[in-house]
Amino acid sequence: MNQNSKIDRVAFLEEQVICYMKNLLVDSPYHVLIYFEKQVNRYTSMLKEGKPYPASVENTLLHLIQEYSSFISVVKEYLKIKTTVGNYSSGDVMA
């Protein structure tokens, strides 16, 4: 990966994480991570309980689990880059 694509990737990740933080009204990427992890755990446990949900509800829960899992990977990648590079743009990593 060349330098420009790395910069573009970091900019994309930062933009996504900032958007998540604004939507969730939190001031740290760690809070975003905690929120999505809790939601994934909650929805996964709902499905594991074995209660008879309608197919539409099960499909929605599966979709949310998949979507939130991808959000988690974006936030983790962002945090990994920010902590290894030491580039704290707004002090947001050190919550």
N, C-alpha and C. Protein backbone atom coordinates (compact mmCIF):
# COMPACT_ATOMS: atom_id res chain seq x y z
N MET A 1 0.85 -1.17 0.00
CA MET A 1 0.00 0.00 0.00
C MET A 1 0.89 1.23 0.00
N ASN A 2 0.65 2.13 -0.95
CA ASN A 2 1.50 3.32 -1.00
C ASN A 2 1.06 4.36 0.02
N GLN A 3 1.85 5.38 0.18
CA GLN A 3 1.61 6.39 1.22
C GLN A 3 0.28 7.11 1.04
N ASN A 4 -0.08 7.45 -0.21
CA ASN A 4 -1.34 8.16 -0.44
C ASN A 4 -2.54 7.32 -0.06
N SER A 5 -2.50 6.03 -0.37
CA SER A 5 -3.64 5.18 -0.02
C SER A 5 -3.73 4.97 1.49
N LYS A 6 -2.58 4.96 2.18
CA LYS A 6 -2.61 4.86 3.64
C LYS A 6 -3.24 6.11 4.24
N ILE A 7 -2.86 7.26 3.72
CA ILE A 7 -3.43 8.53 4.21
C ILE A 7 -4.93 8.57 3.93
N ASP A 8 -5.33 8.12 2.74
CA ASP A 8 -6.75 8.08 2.40
C ASP A 8 -7.51 7.14 3.33
N ARG A 9 -6.92 6.00 3.65
CA ARG A 9 -7.57 5.04 4.54
C ARG A 9 -7.74 5.62 5.94
N VAL A 10 -6.71 6.26 6.44
CA VAL A 10 -6.77 6.88 7.77
C VAL A 10 -7.83 7.99 7.77
N ALA A 11 -7.87 8.78 6.72
CA ALA A 11 -8.86 9.85 6.64
C ALA A 11 -10.27 9.28 6.60
N PHE A 12 -10.46 8.19 5.85
CA PHE A 12 -11.76 7.54 5.79
C PHE A 12 -12.17 7.01 7.16
N LEU A 13 -11.25 6.33 7.83
CA LEU A 13 -11.54 5.77 9.15
C LEU A 13 -11.88 6.88 10.15
N GLU A 14 -11.09 7.94 10.11
CA GLU A 14 -11.33 9.05 11.03
C GLU A 14 -12.70 9.68 10.78
N GLU A 15 -13.04 9.85 9.51
CA GLU A 15 -14.34 10.41 9.17
C GLU A 15 -15.48 9.53 9.68
N GLN A 16 -15.33 8.22 9.51
CA GLN A 16 -16.36 7.29 9.99
C GLN A 16 -16.50 7.35 11.50
N VAL A 17 -15.39 7.32 12.20
CA VAL A 17 -15.42 7.31 13.66
C VAL A 17 -16.00 8.63 14.18
N ILE A 18 -15.64 9.73 13.59
CA ILE A 18 -16.19 11.02 14.00
C ILE A 18 -17.70 11.05 13.78
N CYS A 19 -18.15 10.48 12.68
CA CYS A 19 -19.59 10.39 12.40
C CYS A 19 -20.29 9.54 13.45
N TYR A 20 -19.71 8.41 13.81
CA TYR A 20 -20.29 7.56 14.87
C TYR A 20 -20.37 8.33 16.18
N MET A 21 -19.30 9.05 16.51
CA MET A 21 -19.26 9.79 17.77
C MET A 21 -20.34 10.87 17.80
N LYS A 22 -20.52 11.56 16.69
CA LYS A 22 -21.56 12.59 16.63
C LYS A 22 -22.95 11.98 16.75
N ASN A 23 -23.18 10.88 16.05
CA ASN A 23 -24.50 10.25 16.09
C ASN A 23 -24.83 9.67 17.45
N LEU A 24 -23.83 9.16 18.14
CA LEU A 24 -24.05 8.57 19.47
C LEU A 24 -23.89 9.57 20.60
N LEU A 25 -23.50 10.79 20.23
CA LEU A 25 -23.31 11.87 21.22
C LEU A 25 -22.29 11.49 22.28
N VAL A 26 -21.16 10.97 21.83
CA VAL A 26 -20.06 10.64 22.73
C VAL A 26 -18.81 11.37 22.25
N ASP A 27 -17.81 11.43 23.12
CA ASP A 27 -16.62 12.20 22.78
C ASP A 27 -15.37 11.34 22.65
N SER A 28 -15.53 10.04 22.54
CA SER A 28 -14.37 9.17 22.45
C SER A 28 -14.67 7.96 21.55
N PRO A 29 -13.70 7.56 20.74
CA PRO A 29 -13.89 6.34 19.94
C PRO A 29 -14.10 5.11 20.81
N TYR A 30 -13.54 5.13 22.02
CA TYR A 30 -13.72 4.00 22.91
C TYR A 30 -15.18 3.83 23.32
N HIS A 31 -15.87 4.95 23.51
CA HIS A 31 -17.29 4.88 23.84
C HIS A 31 -18.10 4.31 22.68
N VAL A 32 -17.71 4.66 21.47
CA VAL A 32 -18.36 4.10 20.28
C VAL A 32 -18.16 2.59 20.25
N LEU A 33 -16.95 2.17 20.50
CA LEU A 33 -16.61 0.75 20.50
C LEU A 33 -17.43 0.00 21.55
N ILE A 34 -17.50 0.55 22.74
CA ILE A 34 -18.27 -0.07 23.82
C ILE A 34 -19.74 -0.18 23.44
N TYR A 35 -20.29 0.87 22.87
CA TYR A 35 -21.70 0.86 22.49
C TYR A 35 -21.99 -0.25 21.48
N PHE A 36 -21.21 -0.31 20.41
CA PHE A 36 -21.47 -1.32 19.38
C PHE A 36 -21.23 -2.74 19.89
N GLU A 37 -20.22 -2.92 20.74
CA GLU A 37 -19.98 -4.25 21.31
C GLU A 37 -21.14 -4.68 22.20
N LYS A 38 -21.67 -3.76 22.99
CA LYS A 38 -22.82 -4.09 23.84
C LYS A 38 -24.04 -4.45 23.00
N GLN A 39 -24.26 -3.71 21.93
CA GLN A 39 -25.40 -4.00 21.06
C GLN A 39 -25.26 -5.37 20.40
N VAL A 40 -24.07 -5.68 19.91
CA VAL A 40 -23.85 -6.98 19.29
C VAL A 40 -24.09 -8.10 20.31
N ASN A 41 -23.57 -7.94 21.50
CA ASN A 41 -23.78 -8.94 22.55
C ASN A 41 -25.26 -9.08 22.90
N ARG A 42 -25.93 -7.97 22.98
CA ARG A 42 -27.36 -7.98 23.31
C ARG A 42 -28.17 -8.72 22.24
N TYR A 43 -27.95 -8.38 20.98
CA TYR A 43 -28.71 -9.00 19.90
C TYR A 43 -28.35 -10.47 19.73
N THR A 44 -27.08 -10.79 19.94
CA THR A 44 -26.65 -12.19 19.85
C THR A 44 -27.31 -13.02 20.95
N SER A 45 -27.35 -12.48 22.15
CA SER A 45 -27.97 -13.23 23.25
C SER A 45 -29.48 -13.37 23.04
N MET A 46 -30.10 -12.37 22.43
CA MET A 46 -31.53 -12.48 22.12
C MET A 46 -31.79 -13.66 21.19
N LEU A 47 -30.93 -13.82 20.20
CA LEU A 47 -31.11 -14.92 19.25
C LEU A 47 -30.78 -16.27 19.89
N LYS A 48 -29.81 -16.28 20.80
CA LYS A 48 -29.41 -17.53 21.44
C LYS A 48 -30.42 -18.02 22.47
N GLU A 49 -31.28 -17.13 22.96
CA GLU A 49 -32.28 -17.52 23.95
C GLU A 49 -33.25 -18.55 23.40
N GLY A 50 -33.41 -18.56 22.11
CA GLY A 50 -34.30 -19.55 21.49
C GLY A 50 -35.76 -19.17 21.50
N LYS A 51 -36.06 -17.92 21.81
CA LYS A 51 -37.45 -17.48 21.76
C LYS A 51 -37.91 -17.44 20.31
N PRO A 52 -39.17 -17.76 20.07
CA PRO A 52 -39.66 -17.77 18.69
C PRO A 52 -39.99 -16.37 18.18
N TYR A 53 -39.01 -15.73 17.56
CA TYR A 53 -39.23 -14.43 16.96
C TYR A 53 -39.71 -14.63 15.53
N PRO A 54 -40.50 -13.70 15.01
CA PRO A 54 -40.86 -13.77 13.59
C PRO A 54 -39.59 -13.68 12.73
N ALA A 55 -39.66 -14.24 11.55
CA ALA A 55 -38.49 -14.25 10.66
C ALA A 55 -37.98 -12.84 10.39
N SER A 56 -38.88 -11.88 10.27
CA SER A 56 -38.44 -10.51 9.99
C SER A 56 -37.60 -9.94 11.14
N VAL A 57 -37.96 -10.28 12.36
CA VAL A 57 -37.20 -9.81 13.53
C VAL A 57 -35.84 -10.49 13.56
N GLU A 58 -35.81 -11.80 13.33
CA GLU A 58 -34.53 -12.52 13.30
C GLU A 58 -33.62 -11.97 12.22
N ASN A 59 -34.17 -11.71 11.04
CA ASN A 59 -33.37 -11.17 9.95
C ASN A 59 -32.83 -9.78 10.29
N THR A 60 -33.66 -8.97 10.92
CA THR A 60 -33.22 -7.63 11.34
C THR A 60 -32.10 -7.72 12.36
N LEU A 61 -32.25 -8.60 13.34
CA LEU A 61 -31.21 -8.77 14.35
C LEU A 61 -29.91 -9.25 13.72
N LEU A 62 -30.00 -10.22 12.82
CA LEU A 62 -28.80 -10.71 12.14
C LEU A 62 -28.14 -9.61 11.32
N HIS A 63 -28.94 -8.80 10.67
CA HIS A 63 -28.40 -7.68 9.89
C HIS A 63 -27.70 -6.67 10.80
N LEU A 64 -28.33 -6.35 11.93
CA LEU A 64 -27.72 -5.40 12.87
C LEU A 64 -26.42 -5.95 13.45
N ILE A 65 -26.40 -7.23 13.77
CA ILE A 65 -25.18 -7.85 14.29
C ILE A 65 -24.06 -7.74 13.26
N GLN A 66 -24.38 -8.03 12.02
CA GLN A 66 -23.38 -7.96 10.96
C GLN A 66 -22.91 -6.52 10.74
N GLU A 67 -23.85 -5.59 10.71
CA GLU A 67 -23.50 -4.19 10.48
C GLU A 67 -22.69 -3.62 11.63
N TYR A 68 -23.13 -3.87 12.87
CA TYR A 68 -22.40 -3.36 14.02
C TYR A 68 -21.03 -4.00 14.15
N SER A 69 -20.90 -5.25 13.75
CA SER A 69 -19.59 -5.91 13.77
C SER A 69 -18.64 -5.22 12.80
N SER A 70 -19.15 -4.80 11.66
CA SER A 70 -18.28 -4.08 10.72
C SER A 70 -17.90 -2.71 11.29
N PHE A 71 -18.83 -2.06 12.02
CA PHE A 71 -18.50 -0.79 12.66
C PHE A 71 -17.41 -0.99 13.71
N ILE A 72 -17.50 -2.08 14.44
CA ILE A 72 -16.49 -2.41 15.46
C ILE A 72 -15.12 -2.55 14.82
N SER A 73 -15.05 -3.24 13.69
CA SER A 73 -13.75 -3.42 13.04
C SER A 73 -13.19 -2.09 12.54
N VAL A 74 -14.05 -1.19 12.07
CA VAL A 74 -13.60 0.13 11.63
C VAL A 74 -13.02 0.91 12.80
N VAL A 75 -13.73 0.91 13.92
CA VAL A 75 -13.26 1.65 15.09
C VAL A 75 -11.97 1.05 15.63
N LYS A 76 -11.88 -0.28 15.67
CA LYS A 76 -10.65 -0.93 16.16
C LYS A 76 -9.47 -0.62 15.25
N GLU A 77 -9.70 -0.64 13.95
CA GLU A 77 -8.61 -0.31 13.02
C GLU A 77 -8.16 1.13 13.22
N TYR A 78 -9.12 2.03 13.38
CA TYR A 78 -8.80 3.43 13.62
C TYR A 78 -7.98 3.59 14.90
N LEU A 79 -8.43 2.95 15.98
CA LEU A 79 -7.71 3.06 17.25
C LEU A 79 -6.31 2.47 17.15
N LYS A 80 -6.19 1.37 16.44
CA LYS A 80 -4.87 0.75 16.27
C LYS A 80 -3.93 1.70 15.54
N ILE A 81 -4.41 2.31 14.48
CA ILE A 81 -3.58 3.25 13.72
C ILE A 81 -3.20 4.44 14.58
N LYS A 82 -4.19 5.00 15.27
CA LYS A 82 -3.93 6.19 16.08
C LYS A 82 -2.98 5.91 17.23
N THR A 83 -3.07 4.75 17.84
CA THR A 83 -2.19 4.46 18.98
C THR A 83 -0.79 4.07 18.52
N THR A 84 -0.65 3.40 17.38
CA THR A 84 0.68 3.03 16.91
C THR A 84 1.42 4.22 16.32
N VAL A 85 0.69 5.09 15.64
CA VAL A 85 1.33 6.26 15.05
C VAL A 85 1.54 7.34 16.09
N GLY A 86 0.68 7.36 17.09
CA GLY A 86 0.78 8.40 18.11
C GLY A 86 0.23 9.71 17.64
N ASN A 87 -0.63 9.67 16.64
CA ASN A 87 -1.21 10.88 16.07
C ASN A 87 -2.56 11.14 16.73
N TYR A 88 -2.56 11.91 17.79
CA TYR A 88 -3.79 12.21 18.51
C TYR A 88 -4.30 13.54 18.00
N SER A 89 -5.13 13.49 16.97
CA SER A 89 -5.58 14.72 16.33
C SER A 89 -6.31 15.65 17.27
N SER A 90 -7.17 15.12 18.13
CA SER A 90 -7.90 15.97 19.03
C SER A 90 -7.88 15.45 20.45
N GLY A 91 -6.95 14.55 20.73
CA GLY A 91 -6.90 13.97 22.05
C GLY A 91 -7.99 12.94 22.27
N ASP A 92 -8.69 12.57 21.20
CA ASP A 92 -9.86 11.70 21.34
C ASP A 92 -9.53 10.28 21.74
N VAL A 93 -8.31 9.83 21.52
CA VAL A 93 -7.98 8.46 21.86
C VAL A 93 -7.76 8.31 23.36
N MET A 94 -7.34 9.34 23.98
CA MET A 94 -7.03 9.26 25.39
C MET A 94 -8.24 9.70 26.22
N ALA A 95 -9.27 8.87 26.26
CA ALA A 95 -10.50 9.25 26.98
C ALA A 95 -10.43 8.82 28.42
